[in-house]
Amino acid sequence: MDFAASQVFLIDFIVSYGDTKSISIVLDLHQNIATVITSKLPVKEGTSIPMLQRAEQGMPLSSVHASFEHVSIDNPISDVTPQQKKTKELIGKRVQFVYSRKDVYYKLDNNLYLFVWLEKVIPTTGIVVEDFDAMRSYGKTYGYYGYTTGRVSNFPIGSYVKILNE
């Protein structure tokens, strides 16, 4: 997806070399930086651990794992390299889509946000770029196809935005 006014691009693909993982890159050519999100789906045994057992054992409630890596483009990374920063600007704002406070938001640019969540019941990762200038969101949901492990599904999602309060 291309957010040309901000020079921000969302690149997404699946890597299948024994692991079931997806790589999504939020590329910011204006700042020459990127955030790389690697999502890894659980093996069959990981999907069958009940949430109560996960909580009792101090495990994450979601069996999906996601990692975030900040990179520099065409320059060595250093302490002064800018990063897409986590933000809480959208928490408490009422818009047509409502998310959990435990999920991750990054501010990409003015009125442009990255939102990533891991589902707890059905092992999936959602990655959405929310564009408040265009009043749209664009992204993907990644998980297993159907109710068994093995075959994966990676499909585009999006919505129109309606701000309900300021």
Foldseek 3Di string as FASTA:
>chain_A
DAPPVQQWDWDKDFDDPPWTKIWIWTAGPVLQKIKIKIKTFAAQVLLPDQQVNCVVVVHPLASMDIDIDMGGHPDHDDPPRDGQDWDCVCVPFDKPDDDDPPWTWTDDDVQWIWTWDADRNAGKIWIWIGHVVQQKIKTWIKHADPDHPDHIDIDIDMDGMDGPGD
